[in-house]
C-alpha atoms as a PDB file:
ATOM      1  CA  MET A   1     111.691  79.727  84.034  1.00  0.00           C
ATOM      2  CA  ASN A   2     108.597  79.001  86.093  1.00  0.00           C
ATOM      3  CA  VAL A   3     107.152  82.270  84.808  1.00  0.00           C
ATOM      4  CA  ILE A   4     108.129  81.876  81.152  1.00  0.00           C
ATOM      5  CA  LYS A   5     107.407  78.189  80.534  1.00  0.00           C
ATOM      6  CA  SER A   6     105.560  77.062  83.650  1.00  0.00           C
ATOM      7  CA  GLY A   7     108.588  75.163  84.932  1.00  0.00           C
ATOM      8  CA  LYS A   8     108.883  72.992  81.791  1.00  0.00           C
ATOM      9  CA  ALA A   9     111.863  74.641  80.114  1.00  0.00           C
ATOM     10  CA  ASP A  10     114.693  72.313  79.075  1.00  0.00           C
ATOM     11  CA  GLN A  11     118.269  72.792  80.226  1.00  0.00           C
ATOM     12  CA  ARG A  12     119.373  74.454  76.981  1.00  0.00           C
ATOM     13  CA  THR A  13     116.635  77.091  77.263  1.00  0.00           C
ATOM     14  CA  GLN A  14     117.490  77.736  80.886  1.00  0.00           C
ATOM     15  CA  ILE A  15     121.151  78.333  79.982  1.00  0.00           C
ATOM     16  CA  LYS A  16     120.151  80.765  77.208  1.00  0.00           C
ATOM     17  CA  VAL A  17     117.909  82.718  79.562  1.00  0.00           C
ATOM     18  CA  ALA A  18     120.619  82.794  82.245  1.00  0.00           C
ATOM     19  CA  ARG A  19     123.171  84.116  79.739  1.00  0.00           C
ATOM     20  CA  PHE A  20     120.806  86.779  78.459  1.00  0.00           C
ATOM     21  CA  ALA A  21     119.928  87.871  82.001  1.00  0.00           C
ATOM     22  CA  SER A  22     123.619  88.055  82.954  1.00  0.00           C
ATOM     23  CA  PHE A  23     124.409  90.146  79.876  1.00  0.00           C
ATOM     24  CA  PHE A  24     121.450  92.454  80.489  1.00  0.00           C
ATOM     25  CA  VAL A  25     122.285  93.027  84.157  1.00  0.00           C
ATOM     26  CA  GLY A  26     125.970  93.503  83.340  1.00  0.00           C
ATOM     27  CA  ALA A  27     125.170  96.096  80.659  1.00  0.00           C
ATOM     28  CA  ILE A  28     122.993  98.071  83.063  1.00  0.00           C
ATOM     29  CA  ALA A  29     125.729  97.922  85.703  1.00  0.00           C
ATOM     30  CA  ILE A  30     128.312  99.279  83.238  1.00  0.00           C
ATOM     31  CA  VAL A  31     126.067 102.156  82.131  1.00  0.00           C
ATOM     32  CA  LEU A  32     125.262 103.096  85.717  1.00  0.00           C
ATOM     33  CA  GLY A  33     128.917 102.800  86.705  1.00  0.00           C
ATOM     34  CA  ILE A  34     129.916 105.279  83.980  1.00  0.00           C
ATOM     35  CA  ALA A  35     127.060 107.620  84.842  1.00  0.00           C
ATOM     36  CA  CYS A  36     127.884 107.599  88.555  1.00  0.00           C
ATOM     37  CA  GLU A  37     131.696 107.667  88.391  1.00  0.00           C
ATOM     38  CA  ASN A  38     131.871 111.058  90.099  1.00  0.00           C
ATOM     39  CA  LEU A  39     129.661 110.115  93.046  1.00  0.00           C
ATOM     40  CA  ASN A  40     131.088 109.324  96.451  1.00  0.00           C
ATOM     41  CA  ILE A  41     130.630 105.926  98.048  1.00  0.00           C
ATOM     42  CA  ALA A  42     128.018 107.150 100.545  1.00  0.00           C
ATOM     43  CA  GLN A  43     125.746 108.315  97.730  1.00  0.00           C
ATOM     44  CA  LEU A  44     126.166 105.041  95.838  1.00  0.00           C
ATOM     45  CA  VAL A  45     125.260 103.003  98.912  1.00  0.00           C
ATOM     46  CA  GLY A  46     122.161 105.138  99.415  1.00  0.00           C
ATOM     47  CA  LEU A  47     121.108 104.648  95.808  1.00  0.00           C
ATOM     48  CA  ALA A  48     121.659 100.885  96.026  1.00  0.00           C
ATOM     49  CA  LEU A  49     119.424 100.790  99.096  1.00  0.00           C
ATOM     50  CA  ALA A  50     116.789 102.785  97.183  1.00  0.00           C
ATOM     51  CA  VAL A  51     116.722 100.115  94.458  1.00  0.00           C
ATOM     52  CA  VAL A  52     116.437  97.351  97.051  1.00  0.00           C
ATOM     53  CA  ALA A  53     113.670  99.169  98.929  1.00  0.00           C
ATOM     54  CA  SER A  54     111.715  99.871  95.751  1.00  0.00           C
ATOM     55  CA  ALA A  55     112.048  96.518  93.968  1.00  0.00           C
ATOM     56  CA  ASN A  56     113.116  93.762  96.356  1.00  0.00           C
ATOM     57  CA  PHE A  57     111.489  94.785  99.629  1.00  0.00           C
ATOM     58  CA  PRO A  58     107.826  94.840  98.442  1.00  0.00           C
ATOM     59  CA  VAL A  59     108.292  91.453  96.761  1.00  0.00           C
ATOM     60  CA  LEU A  60     109.901  89.844  99.815  1.00  0.00           C
ATOM     61  CA  LEU A  61     107.350  91.315 102.210  1.00  0.00           C
ATOM     62  CA  PHE A  62     104.288  90.208 100.228  1.00  0.00           C
ATOM     63  CA  ALA A  63     105.802  86.789  99.441  1.00  0.00           C
ATOM     64  CA  LEU A  64     106.039  86.124 103.170  1.00  0.00           C
ATOM     65  CA  PHE A  65     102.690  87.457 104.383  1.00  0.00           C
ATOM     66  CA  TRP A  66     100.175  87.897 101.537  1.00  0.00           C
ATOM     67  CA  LYS A  67      98.262  84.817 100.440  1.00  0.00           C
ATOM     68  CA  ARG A  68      97.173  86.278  97.092  1.00  0.00           C
ATOM     69  CA  PHE A  69     100.661  87.311  96.065  1.00  0.00           C
ATOM     70  CA  ASN A  70     101.714  85.731  92.761  1.00  0.00           C
ATOM     71  CA  SER A  71     104.245  85.706  89.933  1.00  0.00           C
ATOM     72  CA  ALA A  72     102.682  88.720  88.216  1.00  0.00           C
ATOM     73  CA  GLY A  73     103.224  90.790  91.344  1.00  0.00           C
ATOM     74  CA  ILE A  74     106.813  89.580  91.625  1.00  0.00           C
ATOM     75  CA  ILE A  75     107.685  90.492  88.034  1.00  0.00           C
ATOM     76  CA  ALA A  76     105.899  93.851  88.122  1.00  0.00           C
ATOM     77  CA  GLY A  77     107.428  94.810  91.469  1.00  0.00           C
ATOM     78  CA  LEU A  78     110.985  93.935  90.491  1.00  0.00           C
ATOM     79  CA  VAL A  79     110.868  95.462  87.005  1.00  0.00           C
ATOM     80  CA  VAL A  80     108.907  98.636  87.734  1.00  0.00           C
ATOM     81  CA  GLY A  81     110.597  99.308  91.073  1.00  0.00           C
ATOM     82  CA  THR A  82     114.046  99.047  89.504  1.00  0.00           C
ATOM     83  CA  VAL A  83     113.179 101.027  86.364  1.00  0.00           C
ATOM     84  CA  VAL A  84     111.490 103.854  88.279  1.00  0.00           C
ATOM     85  CA  THR A  85     114.414 104.141  90.703  1.00  0.00           C
ATOM     86  CA  ILE A  86     116.937 104.341  87.869  1.00  0.00           C
ATOM     87  CA  ALA A  87     114.741 106.764  85.892  1.00  0.00           C
ATOM     88  CA  VAL A  88     114.391 109.145  88.849  1.00  0.00           C
ATOM     89  CA  LEU A  89     118.125 108.826  89.510  1.00  0.00           C
ATOM     90  CA  MET A  90     118.895 109.900  85.937  1.00  0.00           C
ATOM     91  CA  VAL A  91     117.028 113.209  86.392  1.00  0.00           C
ATOM     92  CA  SER A  92     118.180 113.902  89.959  1.00  0.00           C
ATOM     93  CA  PRO A  93     121.046 116.084  91.266  1.00  0.00           C
ATOM     94  CA  ASN A  94     123.227 112.960  91.500  1.00  0.00           C
ATOM     95  CA  MET A  95     124.030 113.230  87.799  1.00  0.00           C
ATOM     96  CA  THR A  96     126.662 115.587  86.362  1.00  0.00           C
ATOM     97  CA  TYR A  97     125.235 118.744  84.768  1.00  0.00           C
ATOM     98  CA  PRO A  98     127.940 120.487  82.693  1.00  0.00           C
ATOM     99  CA  LYS A  99     126.094 123.800  82.454  1.00  0.00           C
ATOM    100  CA  LYS A 100     125.947 124.015  86.246  1.00  0.00           C
ATOM    101  CA  ILE A 101     129.704 123.393  86.356  1.00  0.00           C
ATOM    102  CA  ALA A 102     130.156 126.117  83.734  1.00  0.00           C
ATOM    103  CA  ALA A 103     127.994 128.541  85.723  1.00  0.00           C
ATOM    104  CA  ASP A 104     130.012 127.933  88.885  1.00  0.00           C
ATOM    105  CA  ALA A 105     133.257 128.391  86.945  1.00  0.00           C
ATOM    106  CA  GLN A 106     131.969 131.625  85.425  1.00  0.00           C
ATOM    107  CA  LYS A 107     131.306 133.023  88.896  1.00  0.00           C
ATOM    108  CA  ILE A 108     134.932 132.367  89.845  1.00  0.00           C
ATOM    109  CA  VAL A 109     136.165 134.006  86.625  1.00  0.00           C
ATOM    110  CA  VAL A 110     134.027 137.101  87.186  1.00  0.00           C
ATOM    111  CA  THR A 111     135.165 137.433  90.821  1.00  0.00           C
ATOM    112  CA  LEU A 112     138.887 137.097  90.088  1.00  0.00           C
ATOM    113  CA  GLU A 113     138.805 139.278  86.968  1.00  0.00           C
ATOM    114  CA  LYS A 114     137.012 141.972  88.969  1.00  0.00           C
ATOM    115  CA  LYS A 115     139.844 141.886  91.520  1.00  0.00           C
ATOM    116  CA  GLN A 116     142.344 142.302  88.686  1.00  0.00           C
ATOM    117  CA  ALA A 117     140.366 145.208  87.214  1.00  0.00           C
ATOM    118  CA  GLU A 118     140.455 146.941  90.599  1.00  0.00           C
ATOM    119  CA  GLY A 119     144.265 146.795  90.556  1.00  0.00           C
ATOM    120  CA  ALA A 120     144.814 143.809  92.831  1.00  0.00           C
ATOM    121  CA  VAL A 121     147.676 141.440  92.035  1.00  0.00           C
ATOM    122  CA  LEU A 122     146.531 137.840  92.037  1.00  0.00           C
ATOM    123  CA  SER A 123     148.629 135.240  93.787  1.00  0.00           C
ATOM    124  CA  ASP A 124     149.952 132.224  91.906  1.00  0.00           C
ATOM    125  CA  LYS A 125     147.199 130.146  93.486  1.00  0.00           C
ATOM    126  CA  ASP A 126     144.497 132.566  92.310  1.00  0.00           C
ATOM    127  CA  LEU A 127     145.991 132.692  88.806  1.00  0.00           C
ATOM    128  CA  LYS A 128     145.864 128.893  88.589  1.00  0.00           C
ATOM    129  CA  THR A 129     142.294 128.948  89.900  1.00  0.00           C
ATOM    130  CA  LEU A 130     141.344 131.541  87.265  1.00  0.00           C
ATOM    131  CA  GLU A 131     142.959 129.530  84.494  1.00  0.00           C
ATOM    132  CA  LYS A 132     141.225 126.341  85.597  1.00  0.00           C
ATOM    133  CA  ALA A 133     137.852 128.124  85.896  1.00  0.00           C
ATOM    134  CA  LYS A 134     138.156 129.472  82.361  1.00  0.00           C
ATOM    135  CA  ALA A 135     138.999 125.988  81.066  1.00  0.00           C
ATOM    136  CA  ASP A 136     136.072 124.450  82.959  1.00  0.00           C
ATOM    137  CA  TYR A 137     133.718 127.070  81.550  1.00  0.00           C
ATOM    138  CA  GLU A 138     134.777 126.495  77.953  1.00  0.00           C
ATOM    139  CA  LYS A 139     134.623 122.730  78.378  1.00  0.00           C
ATOM    140  CA  ASN A 140     131.157 122.601  79.943  1.00  0.00           C
ATOM    141  CA  LYS A 141     129.221 125.653  78.703  1.00  0.00           C
ATOM    142  CA  ASP A 142     127.375 123.746  75.956  1.00  0.00           C
ATOM    143  CA  GLY A 143     127.177 120.330  77.635  1.00  0.00           C
ATOM    144  CA  THR A 144     124.211 118.396  79.008  1.00  0.00           C
ATOM    145  CA  SER A 145     123.730 115.488  81.402  1.00  0.00           C
ATOM    146  CA  LEU A 146     123.740 111.829  80.384  1.00  0.00           C
ATOM    147  CA  VAL A 147     120.062 112.093  79.411  1.00  0.00           C
ATOM    148  CA  GLY A 148     120.359 115.524  77.769  1.00  0.00           C
ATOM    149  CA  LEU A 149     119.238 117.791  80.625  1.00  0.00           C
ATOM    150  CA  ASP A 150     120.610 121.203  81.546  1.00  0.00           C
ATOM    151  CA  ALA A 151     119.472 120.896  85.170  1.00  0.00           C
ATOM    152  CA  PRO A 152     117.874 118.193  87.365  1.00  0.00           C
ATOM    153  CA  LEU A 153     114.117 117.651  87.097  1.00  0.00           C
ATOM    154  CA  PHE A 154     113.886 115.878  90.473  1.00  0.00           C
ATOM    155  CA  PRO A 155     115.150 118.005  93.387  1.00  0.00           C
ATOM    156  CA  LEU A 156     116.178 115.257  95.846  1.00  0.00           C
ATOM    157  CA  LYS A 157     119.329 113.128  95.674  1.00  0.00           C
ATOM    158  CA  ASN A 158     117.658 109.951  96.913  1.00  0.00           C
ATOM    159  CA  PRO A 159     114.871 108.669  94.602  1.00  0.00           C
ATOM    160  CA  GLY A 160     113.395 106.412  97.285  1.00  0.00           C
ATOM    161  CA  ILE A 161     110.687 108.871  98.330  1.00  0.00           C
ATOM    162  CA  VAL A 162     109.085 108.365  94.887  1.00  0.00           C
ATOM    163  CA  SER A 163     110.216 104.889  93.845  1.00  0.00           C
ATOM    164  CA  VAL A 164     109.350 103.001  97.060  1.00  0.00           C
ATOM    165  CA  PRO A 165     105.613 103.894  97.098  1.00  0.00           C
ATOM    166  CA  ILE A 166     105.420 103.188  93.348  1.00  0.00           C
ATOM    167  CA  GLY A 167     107.082  99.804  93.873  1.00  0.00           C
ATOM    168  CA  PHE A 168     104.505  98.840  96.491  1.00  0.00           C
ATOM    169  CA  LEU A 169     101.527 100.129  94.486  1.00  0.00           C
ATOM    170  CA  VAL A 170     102.557  98.376  91.265  1.00  0.00           C
ATOM    171  CA  THR A 171     103.212  95.106  93.084  1.00  0.00           C
ATOM    172  CA  ILE A 172      99.780  95.210  94.698  1.00  0.00           C
ATOM    173  CA  ALA A 173      98.010  96.237  91.485  1.00  0.00           C
ATOM    174  CA  ALA A 174      99.613  93.497  89.368  1.00  0.00           C
ATOM    175  CA  THR A 175      98.787  90.862  91.982  1.00  0.00           C
ATOM    176  CA  LEU A 176      95.115  91.877  92.104  1.00  0.00           C
ATOM    177  CA  LEU A 177      94.761  92.214  88.327  1.00  0.00           C
ATOM    178  CA  PHE A 178      96.352  88.863  87.482  1.00  0.00           C
ATOM    179  CA  ARG A 179      95.164  86.541  90.220  1.00  0.00           C
ATOM    180  CA  ASN A 180      96.384  82.955  90.189  1.00  0.00           C
ATOM    181  CA  LYS A 181      94.248  80.455  92.111  1.00  0.00           C
ATOM    182  CA  ARG A 182      96.906  77.749  92.000  1.00  0.00           C
ATOM    183  CA  GLU A 183      99.538  79.964  93.585  1.00  0.00           C
ATOM    184  CA  GLU A 184      97.069  81.129  96.232  1.00  0.00           C
ATOM    185  CA  GLU A 185      96.283  77.522  97.146  1.00  0.00           C
ATOM    186  CA  MET A 186     100.005  76.760  97.511  1.00  0.00           C
ATOM    187  CA  PHE A 187     100.594  79.631  99.946  1.00  0.00           C
ATOM    188  CA  GLU A 188      99.877  77.658 103.128  1.00  0.00           C
ATOM    189  CA  GLU A 189     102.213  74.851 102.093  1.00  0.00           C
ATOM    190  CA  LEU A 190     105.007  77.253 101.152  1.00  0.00           C
ATOM    191  CA  PHE A 191     104.499  79.266 104.342  1.00  0.00           C
ATOM    192  CA  VAL A 192     104.965  76.138 106.478  1.00  0.00           C
ATOM    193  CA  ARG A 193     108.064  75.119 104.538  1.00  0.00           C
ATOM    194  CA  GLN A 194     109.714  78.519 104.694  1.00  0.00           C
ATOM    195  CA  THR A 195     109.104  78.921 108.425  1.00  0.00           C
ATOM    196  CA  THR A 196     109.831  75.341 109.566  1.00  0.00           C
ATOM    197  CA  GLY A 197     112.139  73.961 106.890  1.00  0.00           C
ATOM    198  CA  TYR A 198     109.849  70.958 106.450  1.00  0.00           C
ATOM    199  CA  GLY A 199     110.451  69.100 103.201  1.00  0.00           C
ATOM    200  CA  VAL A 200     113.797  70.666 102.443  1.00  0.00           C
ATOM    201  CA  ALA A 201     115.800  68.409 100.139  1.00  0.00           C
ATOM    202  CA  LYS A 202     118.880  66.790 101.660  1.00  0.00           C
ATOM    203  CA  ALA A 203     122.324  67.217 100.162  1.00  0.00           C
ATOM    204  CA  ALA A 204     123.045  64.706  97.414  1.00  0.00           C
ATOM    205  CA  LYS A 205     126.342  62.904  96.884  1.00  0.00           C
ATOM    206  CA  HIS A 206     128.125  63.629  93.612  1.00  0.00           C
END
């Protein structure tokens, strides 16, 4: 609210903004949860750390040590860092690519059918594997990823190598382009408070 209405928003407006933000974040979480349902927990943890490193880390670092850092840098860093990380994730090998699944299944079908053509008798296990491979091929041969791709555009599973530098650069650029003298003047006071705890409000009785 300090960014939107300079700290003068009434309680009703604050509740509306909080509800909208909760809905927006929840919707993104649901979409990402569906998109990443086939990933293992180790990959998901790595991706969560990539978002934190790209969006939260630059903001926290500059807020602590850079006098010129301001609200514009905070907003740009959080928004762009998060969006870039998610965007790179959506075109990375982490997503499911049906045509790749179909290609792998086709290889199995060709191998097992070749054995049959040469006169070999397939075991029950191989017959089930062949049947499953044929089903997988038919199911996935014309499919695409969540964003309509046949194959990943970004070769690495962790987007951090791209999103972290972009998060830092955007945060710095926004801070320099939209300087705020008032926030710069308050840096020394805030630095003392955050390192010493001076002026922290005491608990109130309810």
